[in-house]
Amino acid sequence: MTPRRLRLDTATLWFEAPFVIALRLHQMQLAAMTGKTQDVAELQRMVSEKVAAAAESGMAVNLALWKATLDSTMRLVTGSGSKHGTAIAAAALKPYGKRVRSNARRLSRSKP
């Protein structure tokens, strides 16, 4: 992944995450105002998605670090340089971005 793509993915996540939060808060507020019970499935989904994204992100970072270490070792042996910070950061952001985009699409379509 290029540094430019990482910046784009980071900026996208930065703007989409508050959008998803706002949509969920809006749905909760409407449920509270109308006297409906809160959708338990959505609340459970919020929590389970965050746990799954954190686990997936941790695994992706560990894999990227392992690859970077192996590559850096080979480059050290051959005498060339290495830059893996972008790949590691991209691996950390990818699971969160995927879920935030999915939630933004799903929540913007649903009707309260």
C-alpha atoms as a PDB file:
ATOM      1  CA  MET A   1       0.000   0.000   0.000  1.00  0.00           C
ATOM      2  CA  THR A   2       1.272   3.430  -0.874  1.00  0.00           C
ATOM      3  CA  PRO A   3       1.466   6.249   1.681  1.00  0.00           C
ATOM      4  CA  ARG A   4      -1.090   8.141  -0.410  1.00  0.00           C
ATOM      5  CA  ARG A   5      -3.566   5.240  -0.211  1.00  0.00           C
ATOM      6  CA  LEU A   6      -2.988   4.976   3.552  1.00  0.00           C
ATOM      7  CA  ARG A   7      -3.759   8.681   3.961  1.00  0.00           C
ATOM      8  CA  LEU A   8      -6.936   8.277   1.907  1.00  0.00           C
ATOM      9  CA  ASP A   9      -8.061   5.241   3.932  1.00  0.00           C
ATOM     10  CA  THR A  10      -7.330   7.054   7.204  1.00  0.00           C
ATOM     11  CA  ALA A  11      -9.242  10.165   6.131  1.00  0.00           C
ATOM     12  CA  THR A  12     -12.178   8.056   4.934  1.00  0.00           C
ATOM     13  CA  LEU A  13     -12.353   6.222   8.255  1.00  0.00           C
ATOM     14  CA  TRP A  14     -12.068   9.537  10.100  1.00  0.00           C
ATOM     15  CA  PHE A  15     -15.176  10.879   8.330  1.00  0.00           C
ATOM     16  CA  GLU A  16     -17.254   7.692   8.099  1.00  0.00           C
ATOM     17  CA  ALA A  17     -16.944   6.589  11.741  1.00  0.00           C
ATOM     18  CA  PRO A  18     -18.711   9.685  13.162  1.00  0.00           C
ATOM     19  CA  PHE A  19     -21.388   9.271  10.466  1.00  0.00           C
ATOM     20  CA  VAL A  20     -22.116   5.721  11.672  1.00  0.00           C
ATOM     21  CA  ILE A  21     -22.152   6.901  15.283  1.00  0.00           C
ATOM     22  CA  ALA A  22     -24.596   9.676  14.386  1.00  0.00           C
ATOM     23  CA  LEU A  23     -26.905   7.256  12.548  1.00  0.00           C
ATOM     24  CA  ARG A  24     -26.932   4.856  15.488  1.00  0.00           C
ATOM     25  CA  LEU A  25     -27.553   7.647  17.994  1.00  0.00           C
ATOM     26  CA  HIS A  26     -30.376   8.961  15.828  1.00  0.00           C
ATOM     27  CA  GLN A  27     -32.012   5.528  15.753  1.00  0.00           C
ATOM     28  CA  MET A  28     -31.637   5.172  19.523  1.00  0.00           C
ATOM     29  CA  GLN A  29     -33.081   8.640  20.068  1.00  0.00           C
ATOM     30  CA  LEU A  30     -36.094   7.924  17.860  1.00  0.00           C
ATOM     31  CA  ALA A  31     -36.696   4.642  19.674  1.00  0.00           C
ATOM     32  CA  ALA A  32     -36.562   6.449  23.033  1.00  0.00           C
ATOM     33  CA  MET A  33     -38.928   9.223  21.876  1.00  0.00           C
ATOM     34  CA  THR A  34     -41.496   6.845  20.425  1.00  0.00           C
ATOM     35  CA  GLY A  35     -41.430   4.532  23.423  1.00  0.00           C
ATOM     36  CA  LYS A  36     -40.090   1.560  21.486  1.00  0.00           C
ATOM     37  CA  THR A  37     -37.656  -0.753  23.130  1.00  0.00           C
ATOM     38  CA  GLN A  38     -34.158  -0.408  21.794  1.00  0.00           C
ATOM     39  CA  ASP A  39     -33.164  -2.892  19.125  1.00  0.00           C
ATOM     40  CA  VAL A  40     -31.057  -5.321  21.132  1.00  0.00           C
ATOM     41  CA  ALA A  41     -29.668  -6.952  18.002  1.00  0.00           C
ATOM     42  CA  GLU A  42     -28.158  -3.647  16.857  1.00  0.00           C
ATOM     43  CA  LEU A  43     -26.577  -3.028  20.246  1.00  0.00           C
ATOM     44  CA  GLN A  44     -25.089  -6.530  20.297  1.00  0.00           C
ATOM     45  CA  ARG A  45     -23.869  -6.050  16.740  1.00  0.00           C
ATOM     46  CA  MET A  46     -22.104  -2.810  17.719  1.00  0.00           C
ATOM     47  CA  VAL A  47     -20.152  -4.555  20.446  1.00  0.00           C
ATOM     48  CA  SER A  48     -19.388  -7.768  18.568  1.00  0.00           C
ATOM     49  CA  GLU A  49     -18.182  -5.871  15.486  1.00  0.00           C
ATOM     50  CA  LYS A  50     -15.795  -3.788  17.571  1.00  0.00           C
ATOM     51  CA  VAL A  51     -14.353  -6.882  19.239  1.00  0.00           C
ATOM     52  CA  ALA A  52     -14.012  -8.683  15.893  1.00  0.00           C
ATOM     53  CA  ALA A  53     -12.394  -5.637  14.252  1.00  0.00           C
ATOM     54  CA  ALA A  54      -9.907  -5.286  17.120  1.00  0.00           C
ATOM     55  CA  ALA A  55      -8.972  -8.970  16.900  1.00  0.00           C
ATOM     56  CA  GLU A  56      -8.673  -8.860  13.106  1.00  0.00           C
ATOM     57  CA  SER A  57      -6.622  -5.673  13.292  1.00  0.00           C
ATOM     58  CA  GLY A  58      -4.280  -7.194  15.864  1.00  0.00           C
ATOM     59  CA  MET A  59      -3.767 -10.284  13.725  1.00  0.00           C
ATOM     60  CA  ALA A  60      -3.160  -8.158  10.621  1.00  0.00           C
ATOM     61  CA  VAL A  61      -0.611  -6.002  12.450  1.00  0.00           C
ATOM     62  CA  ASN A  62       1.197  -9.081  13.758  1.00  0.00           C
ATOM     63  CA  LEU A  63       1.285 -10.589  10.274  1.00  0.00           C
ATOM     64  CA  ALA A  64       2.530  -7.308   8.770  1.00  0.00           C
ATOM     65  CA  LEU A  65       5.200  -7.045  11.480  1.00  0.00           C
ATOM     66  CA  TRP A  66       6.277 -10.623  10.821  1.00  0.00           C
ATOM     67  CA  LYS A  67       6.535  -9.949   7.084  1.00  0.00           C
ATOM     68  CA  ALA A  68       8.379  -6.675   7.721  1.00  0.00           C
ATOM     69  CA  THR A  69      10.829  -8.394  10.048  1.00  0.00           C
ATOM     70  CA  LEU A  70      11.501 -11.153   7.552  1.00  0.00           C
ATOM     71  CA  ASP A  71      11.871  -8.666   4.706  1.00  0.00           C
ATOM     72  CA  SER A  72      14.094  -6.364   6.768  1.00  0.00           C
ATOM     73  CA  THR A  73      16.307  -9.276   7.704  1.00  0.00           C
ATOM     74  CA  MET A  74      16.663 -10.249   4.068  1.00  0.00           C
ATOM     75  CA  ARG A  75      17.366  -6.651   3.070  1.00  0.00           C
ATOM     76  CA  LEU A  76      19.930  -6.341   5.843  1.00  0.00           C
ATOM     77  CA  VAL A  77      21.661  -9.453   4.574  1.00  0.00           C
ATOM     78  CA  THR A  78      21.611  -8.156   0.987  1.00  0.00           C
ATOM     79  CA  GLY A  79      22.456  -4.570   1.969  1.00  0.00           C
ATOM     80  CA  SER A  80      19.323  -2.715   0.791  1.00  0.00           C
ATOM     81  CA  GLY A  81      16.915  -0.500   2.812  1.00  0.00           C
ATOM     82  CA  SER A  82      13.350  -1.185   3.969  1.00  0.00           C
ATOM     83  CA  LYS A  83      10.222   0.875   4.768  1.00  0.00           C
ATOM     84  CA  HIS A  84       7.299  -1.057   6.262  1.00  0.00           C
ATOM     85  CA  GLY A  85       5.529   1.496   8.445  1.00  0.00           C
ATOM     86  CA  THR A  86       2.875   2.151   5.823  1.00  0.00           C
ATOM     87  CA  ALA A  87       2.076  -1.556   5.403  1.00  0.00           C
ATOM     88  CA  ILE A  88       1.761  -2.044   9.160  1.00  0.00           C
ATOM     89  CA  ALA A  89      -0.504   0.998   9.598  1.00  0.00           C
ATOM     90  CA  ALA A  90      -2.628  -0.079   6.627  1.00  0.00           C
ATOM     91  CA  ALA A  91      -3.020  -3.558   8.103  1.00  0.00           C
ATOM     92  CA  ALA A  92      -4.251  -2.017  11.354  1.00  0.00           C
ATOM     93  CA  LEU A  93      -6.820   0.260   9.673  1.00  0.00           C
ATOM     94  CA  LYS A  94      -8.261  -2.161   7.119  1.00  0.00           C
ATOM     95  CA  PRO A  95     -10.599  -4.166   9.424  1.00  0.00           C
ATOM     96  CA  TYR A  96     -12.061  -1.022  10.972  1.00  0.00           C
ATOM     97  CA  GLY A  97     -12.561   0.706   7.638  1.00  0.00           C
ATOM     98  CA  LYS A  98     -14.317  -2.331   6.185  1.00  0.00           C
ATOM     99  CA  ARG A  99     -16.815  -2.484   9.043  1.00  0.00           C
ATOM    100  CA  VAL A 100     -17.412   1.269   9.179  1.00  0.00           C
ATOM    101  CA  ARG A 101     -18.172   1.420   5.435  1.00  0.00           C
ATOM    102  CA  SER A 102     -20.501  -1.563   5.740  1.00  0.00           C
ATOM    103  CA  ASN A 103     -22.323  -0.002   8.695  1.00  0.00           C
ATOM    104  CA  ALA A 104     -22.609   3.360   6.957  1.00  0.00           C
ATOM    105  CA  ARG A 105     -24.274   1.722   3.944  1.00  0.00           C
ATOM    106  CA  ARG A 106     -26.559  -0.474   6.058  1.00  0.00           C
ATOM    107  CA  LEU A 107     -27.622   2.223   8.528  1.00  0.00           C
ATOM    108  CA  SER A 108     -28.229   4.888   5.889  1.00  0.00           C
ATOM    109  CA  ARG A 109     -30.635   2.525   4.076  1.00  0.00           C
ATOM    110  CA  SER A 110     -32.623   1.418   7.118  1.00  0.00           C
ATOM    111  CA  LYS A 111     -35.741   3.255   8.149  1.00  0.00           C
ATOM    112  CA  PRO A 112     -36.327   3.876  11.881  1.00  0.00           C
END
